[in-house]
Amino acid sequence: MSSYSTVTAVTEDQLQAQFWEHVWNNYPQLRFHMWAVPNGGNRNPVEAAKLKATGLLSGVWDLHLFWKGKLHIIETKLPGQQLTVTRIVKRKKVYGQKEWGELMAAHGSIPHIYHSLPEGIAIIEKIILS
């Protein structure tokens, strides 16, 4: 196993950034096989409308990794956090991560959720060795 920073992430974005940097720096064979999806966050109404019009969907997981003919979907969560579920927000249906992950798994993708950098690294190493 490679070395990694022991700095504790405070937000999901920080954890995902640590994970991304670690994978990029320590597993060059995965570069350009993994990408992030720009979901979440607060955007101004014009940008939000543009992203929605060009295909952004709620519930889609943070990272996708296509490796050896398999699509791995990877969700970043802080310890104690759960996947979101489909719900109604401001009278609109917002699709959840739980349902999206189940849909992707039903079509053959392999779901992974990590809550810490060591957990994420273990997932990557398992993927590489499989």
C-alpha atoms as a PDB file:
ATOM      1  CA  MET A   1       0.000   0.000   0.000  1.00  0.00           C
ATOM      2  CA  SER A   2       1.284   3.489  -0.821  1.00  0.00           C
ATOM      3  CA  SER A   3       1.717   6.209   1.739  1.00  0.00           C
ATOM      4  CA  TYR A   4      -0.932   8.883   2.078  1.00  0.00           C
ATOM      5  CA  SER A   5      -1.624  12.041   3.995  1.00  0.00           C
ATOM      6  CA  THR A   6      -3.119  11.646   7.447  1.00  0.00           C
ATOM      7  CA  VAL A   7      -4.858  15.044   7.381  1.00  0.00           C
ATOM      8  CA  THR A   8      -8.489  14.563   8.376  1.00  0.00           C
ATOM      9  CA  ALA A   9     -11.017  15.871   5.885  1.00  0.00           C
ATOM     10  CA  VAL A  10     -13.649  18.248   7.231  1.00  0.00           C
ATOM     11  CA  THR A  11     -15.974  18.179   4.227  1.00  0.00           C
ATOM     12  CA  GLU A  12     -16.881  15.620   1.589  1.00  0.00           C
ATOM     13  CA  ASP A  13     -15.206  17.803  -1.021  1.00  0.00           C
ATOM     14  CA  GLN A  14     -11.963  17.791   0.970  1.00  0.00           C
ATOM     15  CA  LEU A  15     -12.091  14.011   1.368  1.00  0.00           C
ATOM     16  CA  GLN A  16     -12.785  13.544  -2.327  1.00  0.00           C
ATOM     17  CA  ALA A  17      -9.919  15.935  -3.213  1.00  0.00           C
ATOM     18  CA  GLN A  18      -7.527  13.959  -0.975  1.00  0.00           C
ATOM     19  CA  PHE A  19      -8.700  10.703  -2.556  1.00  0.00           C
ATOM     20  CA  TRP A  20      -8.405  12.095  -6.101  1.00  0.00           C
ATOM     21  CA  GLU A  21      -4.912  13.445  -5.473  1.00  0.00           C
ATOM     22  CA  HIS A  22      -3.786  10.160  -3.926  1.00  0.00           C
ATOM     23  CA  VAL A  23      -5.095   8.080  -6.818  1.00  0.00           C
ATOM     24  CA  TRP A  24      -3.654  10.487  -9.415  1.00  0.00           C
ATOM     25  CA  ASN A  25      -0.216  10.520  -7.779  1.00  0.00           C
ATOM     26  CA  ASN A  26       0.057   6.851  -6.806  1.00  0.00           C
ATOM     27  CA  TYR A  27      -1.819   4.949  -9.509  1.00  0.00           C
ATOM     28  CA  PRO A  28      -0.784   6.517 -12.838  1.00  0.00           C
ATOM     29  CA  GLN A  29      -2.328   3.598 -14.704  1.00  0.00           C
ATOM     30  CA  LEU A  30      -5.757   4.878 -13.614  1.00  0.00           C
ATOM     31  CA  ARG A  31      -5.253   8.419 -14.929  1.00  0.00           C
ATOM     32  CA  PHE A  32      -7.960   9.288 -17.429  1.00  0.00           C
ATOM     33  CA  HIS A  33      -9.886   6.135 -16.489  1.00  0.00           C
ATOM     34  CA  MET A  34     -11.507   7.919 -13.521  1.00  0.00           C
ATOM     35  CA  TRP A  35     -13.434  11.184 -13.592  1.00  0.00           C
ATOM     36  CA  ALA A  36     -15.577  13.316 -11.317  1.00  0.00           C
ATOM     37  CA  VAL A  37     -19.179  14.373 -11.870  1.00  0.00           C
ATOM     38  CA  PRO A  38     -19.851  18.032 -10.961  1.00  0.00           C
ATOM     39  CA  ASN A  39     -22.979  17.400  -8.919  1.00  0.00           C
ATOM     40  CA  GLY A  40     -23.972  19.035  -5.661  1.00  0.00           C
ATOM     41  CA  GLY A  41     -23.020  22.506  -4.568  1.00  0.00           C
ATOM     42  CA  ASN A  42     -24.849  25.793  -4.769  1.00  0.00           C
ATOM     43  CA  ARG A  43     -24.922  27.430  -8.159  1.00  0.00           C
ATOM     44  CA  ASN A  44     -26.427  30.597  -9.464  1.00  0.00           C
ATOM     45  CA  PRO A  45     -29.733  30.021 -11.304  1.00  0.00           C
ATOM     46  CA  VAL A  46     -28.257  30.563 -14.787  1.00  0.00           C
ATOM     47  CA  GLU A  47     -25.427  28.073 -14.278  1.00  0.00           C
ATOM     48  CA  ALA A  48     -27.791  25.566 -12.639  1.00  0.00           C
ATOM     49  CA  ALA A  49     -30.198  25.816 -15.593  1.00  0.00           C
ATOM     50  CA  LYS A  50     -27.342  25.356 -18.076  1.00  0.00           C
ATOM     51  CA  LEU A  51     -26.022  22.280 -16.268  1.00  0.00           C
ATOM     52  CA  LYS A  52     -29.491  20.757 -16.047  1.00  0.00           C
ATOM     53  CA  ALA A  53     -30.146  21.476 -19.746  1.00  0.00           C
ATOM     54  CA  THR A  54     -26.869  19.768 -20.682  1.00  0.00           C
ATOM     55  CA  GLY A  55     -27.536  16.588 -18.717  1.00  0.00           C
ATOM     56  CA  LEU A  56     -26.654  17.025 -15.057  1.00  0.00           C
ATOM     57  CA  LEU A  57     -28.764  14.683 -12.928  1.00  0.00           C
ATOM     58  CA  SER A  58     -29.364  14.584  -9.199  1.00  0.00           C
ATOM     59  CA  GLY A  59     -28.297  11.438  -7.388  1.00  0.00           C
ATOM     60  CA  VAL A  60     -25.352  10.614  -9.663  1.00  0.00           C
ATOM     61  CA  TRP A  61     -22.345   9.425  -7.678  1.00  0.00           C
ATOM     62  CA  ASP A  62     -19.157  11.477  -7.307  1.00  0.00           C
ATOM     63  CA  LEU A  63     -16.610   9.474  -9.282  1.00  0.00           C
ATOM     64  CA  HIS A  64     -16.690   6.982 -12.118  1.00  0.00           C
ATOM     65  CA  LEU A  65     -13.843   4.605 -12.921  1.00  0.00           C
ATOM     66  CA  PHE A  66     -13.829   2.509 -16.079  1.00  0.00           C
ATOM     67  CA  TRP A  67     -11.244  -0.230 -15.625  1.00  0.00           C
ATOM     68  CA  LYS A  68     -10.790  -3.550 -17.431  1.00  0.00           C
ATOM     69  CA  GLY A  69     -14.203  -3.341 -19.065  1.00  0.00           C
ATOM     70  CA  LYS A  70     -16.087  -2.570 -15.863  1.00  0.00           C
ATOM     71  CA  LEU A  71     -17.682   0.660 -14.699  1.00  0.00           C
ATOM     72  CA  HIS A  72     -17.091   1.349 -11.023  1.00  0.00           C
ATOM     73  CA  ILE A  73     -19.177   4.097  -9.432  1.00  0.00           C
ATOM     74  CA  ILE A  74     -17.647   5.625  -6.323  1.00  0.00           C
ATOM     75  CA  GLU A  75     -19.415   7.790  -3.742  1.00  0.00           C
ATOM     76  CA  THR A  76     -17.600   9.885  -1.153  1.00  0.00           C
ATOM     77  CA  LYS A  77     -19.230  10.176   2.280  1.00  0.00           C
ATOM     78  CA  LEU A  78     -17.945  11.406   5.589  1.00  0.00           C
ATOM     79  CA  PRO A  79     -18.151   8.960   8.521  1.00  0.00           C
ATOM     80  CA  GLY A  80     -21.756   8.545   9.640  1.00  0.00           C
ATOM     81  CA  GLN A  81     -23.259   9.934   6.432  1.00  0.00           C
ATOM     82  CA  GLN A  82     -25.663   7.925   4.296  1.00  0.00           C
ATOM     83  CA  LEU A  83     -26.652   8.011   0.653  1.00  0.00           C
ATOM     84  CA  THR A  84     -29.424  10.485  -0.123  1.00  0.00           C
ATOM     85  CA  VAL A  85     -32.801   9.040  -1.093  1.00  0.00           C
ATOM     86  CA  THR A  86     -35.410  10.244  -3.556  1.00  0.00           C
ATOM     87  CA  ARG A  87     -37.431  13.035  -1.966  1.00  0.00           C
ATOM     88  CA  ILE A  88     -39.563  16.093  -2.713  1.00  0.00           C
ATOM     89  CA  VAL A  89     -37.816  19.479  -2.332  1.00  0.00           C
ATOM     90  CA  LYS A  90     -39.755  22.682  -3.046  1.00  0.00           C
ATOM     91  CA  ARG A  91     -42.453  20.607  -4.745  1.00  0.00           C
ATOM     92  CA  LYS A  92     -39.944  18.982  -7.095  1.00  0.00           C
ATOM     93  CA  LYS A  93     -38.797  15.374  -7.109  1.00  0.00           C
ATOM     94  CA  VAL A  94     -35.077  15.090  -6.370  1.00  0.00           C
ATOM     95  CA  TYR A  95     -33.635  11.694  -7.200  1.00  0.00           C
ATOM     96  CA  GLY A  96     -31.433  10.105  -4.584  1.00  0.00           C
ATOM     97  CA  GLN A  97     -27.998   8.543  -4.625  1.00  0.00           C
ATOM     98  CA  LYS A  98     -29.405   5.314  -3.212  1.00  0.00           C
ATOM     99  CA  GLU A  99     -31.808   4.807  -6.098  1.00  0.00           C
ATOM    100  CA  TRP A 100     -29.282   5.907  -8.745  1.00  0.00           C
ATOM    101  CA  GLY A 101     -26.669   3.495  -7.363  1.00  0.00           C
ATOM    102  CA  GLU A 102     -29.189   0.652  -7.385  1.00  0.00           C
ATOM    103  CA  LEU A 103     -30.151   1.444 -10.988  1.00  0.00           C
ATOM    104  CA  MET A 104     -26.512   1.462 -12.115  1.00  0.00           C
ATOM    105  CA  ALA A 105     -25.788  -1.789 -10.256  1.00  0.00           C
ATOM    106  CA  ALA A 106     -28.800  -3.400 -11.935  1.00  0.00           C
ATOM    107  CA  HIS A 107     -27.133  -2.590 -15.260  1.00  0.00           C
ATOM    108  CA  GLY A 108     -23.758  -4.021 -14.301  1.00  0.00           C
ATOM    109  CA  SER A 109     -21.793  -1.198 -12.712  1.00  0.00           C
ATOM    110  CA  ILE A 110     -19.989  -1.907  -9.454  1.00  0.00           C
ATOM    111  CA  PRO A 111     -20.818   0.485  -6.584  1.00  0.00           C
ATOM    112  CA  HIS A 112     -18.313   1.544  -3.927  1.00  0.00           C
ATOM    113  CA  ILE A 113     -18.733   3.941  -1.001  1.00  0.00           C
ATOM    114  CA  TYR A 114     -15.841   5.170   1.108  1.00  0.00           C
ATOM    115  CA  HIS A 115     -15.844   7.226   4.320  1.00  0.00           C
ATOM    116  CA  SER A 116     -12.097   7.800   4.778  1.00  0.00           C
ATOM    117  CA  LEU A 117      -8.974   7.994   2.665  1.00  0.00           C
ATOM    118  CA  PRO A 118      -7.694   4.560   3.768  1.00  0.00           C
ATOM    119  CA  GLU A 119     -11.083   3.048   2.889  1.00  0.00           C
ATOM    120  CA  GLY A 120     -10.985   4.685  -0.559  1.00  0.00           C
ATOM    121  CA  ILE A 121      -7.448   3.462  -1.164  1.00  0.00           C
ATOM    122  CA  ALA A 122      -8.484  -0.089  -0.232  1.00  0.00           C
ATOM    123  CA  ILE A 123     -11.267   0.112  -2.840  1.00  0.00           C
ATOM    124  CA  ILE A 124      -8.817   1.241  -5.534  1.00  0.00           C
ATOM    125  CA  GLU A 125      -6.346  -1.501  -4.688  1.00  0.00           C
ATOM    126  CA  LYS A 126      -9.115  -4.108  -4.809  1.00  0.00           C
ATOM    127  CA  ILE A 127     -10.209  -2.820  -8.228  1.00  0.00           C
ATOM    128  CA  ILE A 128      -6.667  -2.949  -9.595  1.00  0.00           C
ATOM    129  CA  LEU A 129      -6.097  -6.483  -8.307  1.00  0.00           C
ATOM    130  CA  SER A 130      -9.385  -7.864  -9.660  1.00  0.00           C
END
